[in-house]
Amino acid sequence: MVKGQKVVCINDSFSEFVRALYTELPVKGETYTIREMFLGREKIVKGGDTATVGLLLEELKNPPDPFHAGQQELGFSSERFAPVEELPPEEAEEEDAASIGAGALVGLAPAL
């Protein structure tokens, strides 16, 4: 995942505690744009060996994290999202042109 990438929410199950902290939450099936990425604090908070990647989304704004000394905005685990498969603009135009050309022949019977 990278900044500016489109992602779709695949998990919108949140505890009541989280619902009380956030002002805006993602909805399963909705598409969002990554505004910023950051390293999650699981390793510090839970004492684990790994940390997740956190996301801030263009479409959602939330208050500062009350447990973060730097007052970073509350974000979401990247594990709640899947990348939206998008073609680069040049490839999308080529694909559109190819499908128009192929579609023009649909329904035509060969001359016998």
N, C-alpha and C. Protein backbone atom coordinates (compact mmCIF):
# COMPACT_ATOMS: atom_id res chain seq x y z
N MET A 1 0.85 -1.18 0.00
CA MET A 1 0.00 0.00 0.00
C MET A 1 0.89 1.24 0.00
N VAL A 2 0.44 2.27 -0.71
CA VAL A 2 1.20 3.51 -0.81
C VAL A 2 0.26 4.71 -0.71
N LYS A 3 0.83 5.83 -0.36
CA LYS A 3 0.08 7.08 -0.27
C LYS A 3 -0.58 7.37 -1.61
N GLY A 4 -1.85 7.73 -1.60
CA GLY A 4 -2.59 8.04 -2.82
C GLY A 4 -3.31 6.84 -3.42
N GLN A 5 -3.02 5.63 -2.92
CA GLN A 5 -3.64 4.41 -3.44
C GLN A 5 -5.09 4.30 -2.98
N LYS A 6 -5.92 3.75 -3.84
CA LYS A 6 -7.32 3.46 -3.50
C LYS A 6 -7.37 2.09 -2.82
N VAL A 7 -8.15 2.02 -1.73
CA VAL A 7 -8.34 0.78 -1.01
C VAL A 7 -9.82 0.61 -0.70
N VAL A 8 -10.24 -0.64 -0.52
CA VAL A 8 -11.63 -0.91 -0.16
C VAL A 8 -11.65 -1.53 1.23
N CYS A 9 -12.59 -1.10 2.05
CA CYS A 9 -12.71 -1.63 3.41
C CYS A 9 -13.26 -3.05 3.35
N ILE A 10 -12.58 -3.97 4.05
CA ILE A 10 -13.02 -5.37 4.10
C ILE A 10 -13.43 -5.79 5.51
N ASN A 11 -13.24 -4.91 6.49
CA ASN A 11 -13.58 -5.22 7.88
C ASN A 11 -14.01 -3.94 8.58
N ASP A 12 -15.30 -3.82 8.86
CA ASP A 12 -15.79 -2.63 9.56
C ASP A 12 -16.39 -2.99 10.92
N SER A 13 -15.88 -4.06 11.53
CA SER A 13 -16.32 -4.45 12.88
C SER A 13 -15.43 -3.74 13.90
N PHE A 14 -16.06 -2.86 14.69
CA PHE A 14 -15.33 -2.09 15.69
C PHE A 14 -15.99 -2.26 17.05
N SER A 15 -15.18 -2.28 18.10
CA SER A 15 -15.72 -2.36 19.46
C SER A 15 -16.41 -1.04 19.83
N GLU A 16 -17.20 -1.09 20.85
CA GLU A 16 -17.88 0.11 21.33
C GLU A 16 -16.86 1.15 21.80
N PHE A 17 -15.75 0.68 22.38
CA PHE A 17 -14.68 1.58 22.82
C PHE A 17 -14.14 2.38 21.64
N VAL A 18 -13.86 1.70 20.53
CA VAL A 18 -13.35 2.37 19.33
C VAL A 18 -14.40 3.32 18.78
N ARG A 19 -15.64 2.89 18.72
CA ARG A 19 -16.73 3.74 18.21
C ARG A 19 -16.85 5.03 19.02
N ALA A 20 -16.54 4.96 20.31
CA ALA A 20 -16.61 6.14 21.17
C ALA A 20 -15.46 7.11 20.91
N LEU A 21 -14.29 6.59 20.51
CA LEU A 21 -13.11 7.44 20.26
C LEU A 21 -13.14 8.15 18.91
N TYR A 22 -13.63 7.47 17.90
CA TYR A 22 -13.59 7.97 16.51
C TYR A 22 -14.84 8.76 16.17
N THR A 23 -14.68 9.73 15.27
CA THR A 23 -15.84 10.46 14.77
C THR A 23 -16.30 9.90 13.43
N GLU A 24 -15.37 9.29 12.67
CA GLU A 24 -15.70 8.71 11.37
C GLU A 24 -15.01 7.35 11.22
N LEU A 25 -15.77 6.35 10.83
CA LEU A 25 -15.24 5.00 10.66
C LEU A 25 -15.49 4.53 9.23
N PRO A 26 -14.62 3.68 8.71
CA PRO A 26 -14.83 3.16 7.35
C PRO A 26 -15.99 2.16 7.32
N VAL A 27 -16.57 2.00 6.14
CA VAL A 27 -17.70 1.09 5.95
C VAL A 27 -17.28 0.01 4.97
N LYS A 28 -17.58 -1.23 5.31
CA LYS A 28 -17.22 -2.37 4.47
C LYS A 28 -17.78 -2.18 3.06
N GLY A 29 -16.90 -2.39 2.08
CA GLY A 29 -17.30 -2.27 0.68
C GLY A 29 -17.07 -0.89 0.09
N GLU A 30 -16.83 0.11 0.93
CA GLU A 30 -16.59 1.47 0.45
C GLU A 30 -15.11 1.64 0.08
N THR A 31 -14.87 2.53 -0.90
CA THR A 31 -13.51 2.79 -1.37
C THR A 31 -12.98 4.08 -0.74
N TYR A 32 -11.71 4.05 -0.36
CA TYR A 32 -11.05 5.19 0.28
C TYR A 32 -9.68 5.41 -0.36
N THR A 33 -9.10 6.59 -0.10
CA THR A 33 -7.78 6.95 -0.62
C THR A 33 -6.83 7.10 0.56
N ILE A 34 -5.66 6.46 0.47
CA ILE A 34 -4.67 6.57 1.56
C ILE A 34 -4.07 7.97 1.57
N ARG A 35 -4.23 8.66 2.69
CA ARG A 35 -3.68 10.01 2.87
C ARG A 35 -2.28 9.95 3.47
N GLU A 36 -2.10 9.10 4.45
CA GLU A 36 -0.81 8.93 5.13
C GLU A 36 -0.72 7.50 5.64
N MET A 37 0.52 7.05 5.85
CA MET A 37 0.77 5.74 6.44
C MET A 37 1.71 5.92 7.64
N PHE A 38 1.56 5.05 8.64
CA PHE A 38 2.42 5.13 9.82
C PHE A 38 2.57 3.75 10.43
N LEU A 39 3.60 3.59 11.25
CA LEU A 39 3.84 2.33 11.93
C LEU A 39 2.94 2.25 13.15
N GLY A 40 2.19 1.16 13.26
CA GLY A 40 1.31 0.96 14.41
C GLY A 40 2.11 0.74 15.68
N ARG A 41 1.42 0.84 16.82
CA ARG A 41 2.12 0.75 18.10
C ARG A 41 1.93 -0.59 18.80
N GLU A 42 1.46 -1.62 18.10
CA GLU A 42 1.21 -2.91 18.74
C GLU A 42 2.43 -3.45 19.46
N LYS A 43 3.60 -3.28 18.86
CA LYS A 43 4.83 -3.81 19.47
C LYS A 43 5.06 -3.17 20.84
N ILE A 44 4.81 -1.90 20.94
CA ILE A 44 5.02 -1.17 22.19
C ILE A 44 3.89 -1.45 23.18
N VAL A 45 2.64 -1.31 22.69
CA VAL A 45 1.49 -1.44 23.57
C VAL A 45 1.25 -2.88 24.01
N LYS A 46 1.32 -3.82 23.06
CA LYS A 46 1.01 -5.22 23.38
C LYS A 46 2.25 -6.08 23.60
N GLY A 47 3.46 -5.53 23.40
CA GLY A 47 4.67 -6.28 23.63
C GLY A 47 4.95 -7.36 22.61
N GLY A 48 4.35 -7.23 21.42
CA GLY A 48 4.56 -8.23 20.38
C GLY A 48 5.86 -8.02 19.61
N ASP A 49 6.13 -8.93 18.70
CA ASP A 49 7.35 -8.86 17.89
C ASP A 49 7.13 -8.10 16.58
N THR A 50 5.90 -7.82 16.24
CA THR A 50 5.61 -7.16 14.97
C THR A 50 4.72 -5.94 15.20
N ALA A 51 4.62 -5.14 14.20
CA ALA A 51 3.73 -3.98 14.24
C ALA A 51 2.98 -3.89 12.92
N THR A 52 1.79 -3.37 12.95
CA THR A 52 1.02 -3.22 11.73
C THR A 52 1.26 -1.84 11.13
N VAL A 53 0.81 -1.68 9.92
CA VAL A 53 0.85 -0.39 9.25
C VAL A 53 -0.50 0.28 9.48
N GLY A 54 -0.46 1.52 9.92
CA GLY A 54 -1.67 2.29 10.12
C GLY A 54 -1.92 3.20 8.94
N LEU A 55 -3.20 3.50 8.71
CA LEU A 55 -3.58 4.36 7.59
C LEU A 55 -4.43 5.53 8.05
N LEU A 56 -4.19 6.68 7.43
CA LEU A 56 -5.11 7.81 7.52
C LEU A 56 -5.72 7.91 6.12
N LEU A 57 -7.02 8.19 6.06
CA LEU A 57 -7.73 8.19 4.79
C LEU A 57 -8.23 9.58 4.43
N GLU A 58 -8.13 9.92 3.14
CA GLU A 58 -8.57 11.24 2.66
C GLU A 58 -10.03 11.52 3.04
N GLU A 59 -10.86 10.52 2.94
CA GLU A 59 -12.30 10.70 3.09
C GLU A 59 -12.76 10.74 4.54
N LEU A 60 -11.90 10.35 5.48
CA LEU A 60 -12.28 10.29 6.90
C LEU A 60 -11.30 11.11 7.74
N LYS A 61 -11.83 11.94 8.61
CA LYS A 61 -11.01 12.75 9.52
C LYS A 61 -11.44 12.40 10.95
N ASN A 62 -10.45 12.20 11.82
CA ASN A 62 -10.73 11.83 13.20
C ASN A 62 -9.91 12.67 14.16
N PRO A 63 -10.29 12.67 15.43
CA PRO A 63 -9.55 13.46 16.43
C PRO A 63 -8.18 12.85 16.72
N PRO A 64 -7.34 13.57 17.44
CA PRO A 64 -6.03 13.04 17.84
C PRO A 64 -6.19 11.81 18.73
N ASP A 65 -5.25 10.90 18.62
CA ASP A 65 -5.23 9.70 19.44
C ASP A 65 -4.90 10.11 20.88
N PRO A 66 -5.80 9.88 21.83
CA PRO A 66 -5.56 10.31 23.21
C PRO A 66 -4.41 9.55 23.89
N PHE A 67 -3.97 8.44 23.27
CA PHE A 67 -2.89 7.63 23.86
C PHE A 67 -1.56 7.85 23.17
N HIS A 68 -1.50 8.77 22.21
CA HIS A 68 -0.27 9.03 21.46
C HIS A 68 0.32 10.36 21.92
N ALA A 69 1.56 10.34 22.39
CA ALA A 69 2.19 11.55 22.92
C ALA A 69 2.26 12.67 21.89
N GLY A 70 2.40 12.32 20.61
CA GLY A 70 2.50 13.31 19.55
C GLY A 70 1.16 13.78 19.02
N GLN A 71 0.08 13.31 19.64
CA GLN A 71 -1.27 13.70 19.24
C GLN A 71 -1.57 13.37 17.77
N GLN A 72 -1.03 12.26 17.29
CA GLN A 72 -1.31 11.80 15.93
C GLN A 72 -2.79 11.49 15.79
N GLU A 73 -3.36 11.78 14.63
CA GLU A 73 -4.76 11.49 14.35
C GLU A 73 -5.02 9.99 14.49
N LEU A 74 -6.18 9.63 15.00
CA LEU A 74 -6.57 8.23 15.09
C LEU A 74 -6.65 7.65 13.68
N GLY A 75 -5.99 6.53 13.46
CA GLY A 75 -5.97 5.89 12.13
C GLY A 75 -6.54 4.49 12.20
N PHE A 76 -6.35 3.76 11.11
CA PHE A 76 -6.91 2.42 10.98
C PHE A 76 -5.83 1.43 10.56
N SER A 77 -5.95 0.21 11.01
CA SER A 77 -5.01 -0.84 10.62
C SER A 77 -5.17 -1.12 9.12
N SER A 78 -4.05 -1.25 8.44
CA SER A 78 -4.09 -1.55 7.00
C SER A 78 -4.74 -2.90 6.74
N GLU A 79 -4.79 -3.76 7.75
CA GLU A 79 -5.39 -5.08 7.60
C GLU A 79 -6.90 -5.01 7.40
N ARG A 80 -7.50 -3.85 7.64
CA ARG A 80 -8.93 -3.67 7.41
C ARG A 80 -9.25 -3.34 5.94
N PHE A 81 -8.21 -3.22 5.11
CA PHE A 81 -8.39 -2.77 3.73
C PHE A 81 -7.69 -3.67 2.73
N ALA A 82 -8.22 -3.69 1.51
CA ALA A 82 -7.59 -4.40 0.40
C ALA A 82 -7.39 -3.40 -0.73
N PRO A 83 -6.31 -3.53 -1.47
CA PRO A 83 -6.08 -2.61 -2.59
C PRO A 83 -7.18 -2.74 -3.66
N VAL A 84 -7.55 -1.61 -4.23
CA VAL A 84 -8.48 -1.62 -5.37
C VAL A 84 -7.62 -1.82 -6.60
N GLU A 85 -7.95 -2.80 -7.40
CA GLU A 85 -7.16 -3.06 -8.61
C GLU A 85 -7.50 -1.99 -9.64
N GLU A 86 -6.55 -1.16 -9.94
CA GLU A 86 -6.74 -0.09 -10.92
C GLU A 86 -5.62 -0.15 -11.94
N LEU A 87 -5.96 0.08 -13.20
CA LEU A 87 -4.94 0.16 -14.24
C LEU A 87 -4.40 1.57 -14.30
N PRO A 88 -3.12 1.73 -14.61
CA PRO A 88 -2.60 3.08 -14.85
C PRO A 88 -3.38 3.71 -16.00
N PRO A 89 -3.52 5.06 -16.06
CA PRO A 89 -4.34 5.72 -17.07
C PRO A 89 -4.04 5.28 -18.51
N GLU A 90 -2.76 5.09 -18.86
CA GLU A 90 -2.41 4.70 -20.23
C GLU A 90 -2.97 3.32 -20.55
N GLU A 91 -2.82 2.38 -19.61
CA GLU A 91 -3.29 1.03 -19.85
C GLU A 91 -4.81 0.97 -19.89
N ALA A 92 -5.48 1.79 -19.07
CA ALA A 92 -6.94 1.83 -19.07
C ALA A 92 -7.45 2.31 -20.42
N GLU A 93 -6.80 3.34 -21.00
CA GLU A 93 -7.21 3.84 -22.32
C GLU A 93 -7.01 2.77 -23.38
N GLU A 94 -5.88 2.06 -23.32
CA GLU A 94 -5.61 1.00 -24.29
C GLU A 94 -6.64 -0.11 -24.17
N GLU A 95 -6.99 -0.47 -22.94
CA GLU A 95 -7.98 -1.52 -22.73
C GLU A 95 -9.34 -1.10 -23.25
N ASP A 96 -9.73 0.17 -23.01
CA ASP A 96 -11.00 0.68 -23.52
C ASP A 96 -11.03 0.63 -25.05
N ALA A 97 -9.95 1.05 -25.68
CA ALA A 97 -9.88 1.05 -27.14
C ALA A 97 -9.96 -0.37 -27.67
N ALA A 98 -9.30 -1.29 -27.03
CA ALA A 98 -9.32 -2.69 -27.46
C ALA A 98 -10.71 -3.29 -27.31
N SER A 99 -11.40 -2.97 -26.22
CA SER A 99 -12.73 -3.54 -26.03
C SER A 99 -13.74 -2.94 -26.99
N ILE A 100 -13.58 -1.69 -27.37
CA ILE A 100 -14.47 -1.07 -28.36
C ILE A 100 -14.28 -1.75 -29.70
N GLY A 101 -13.03 -1.98 -30.07
CA GLY A 101 -12.75 -2.65 -31.34
C GLY A 101 -13.31 -4.06 -31.36
N ALA A 102 -13.16 -4.78 -30.27
CA ALA A 102 -13.66 -6.16 -30.19
C ALA A 102 -15.18 -6.16 -30.15
N GLY A 103 -15.76 -5.19 -29.45
CA GLY A 103 -17.21 -5.11 -29.34
C GLY A 103 -17.88 -4.79 -30.66
N ALA A 104 -17.18 -4.12 -31.54
CA ALA A 104 -17.77 -3.74 -32.82
C ALA A 104 -18.05 -4.96 -33.68
N LEU A 105 -17.34 -6.06 -33.44
CA LEU A 105 -17.52 -7.27 -34.23
C LEU A 105 -18.56 -8.21 -33.64
N VAL A 106 -18.97 -7.97 -32.40
CA VAL A 106 -19.93 -8.84 -31.75
C VAL A 106 -21.27 -8.76 -32.49
N GLY A 107 -21.86 -9.90 -32.74
CA GLY A 107 -23.17 -9.92 -33.37
C GLY A 107 -23.11 -9.97 -34.90
N LEU A 108 -21.93 -9.86 -35.49
CA LEU A 108 -21.83 -9.94 -36.94
C LEU A 108 -21.59 -11.38 -37.35
N ALA A 109 -22.39 -11.86 -38.26
CA ALA A 109 -22.20 -13.23 -38.75
C ALA A 109 -21.28 -13.20 -39.95
N PRO A 110 -20.47 -14.22 -40.12
CA PRO A 110 -19.60 -14.24 -41.28
C PRO A 110 -20.41 -14.36 -42.58
N ALA A 111 -19.92 -13.73 -43.58
CA ALA A 111 -20.59 -13.80 -44.89
C ALA A 111 -20.31 -15.16 -45.52
N LEU A 112 -21.35 -15.86 -45.96
CA LEU A 112 -21.15 -17.18 -46.57
C LEU A 112 -21.53 -17.15 -48.01
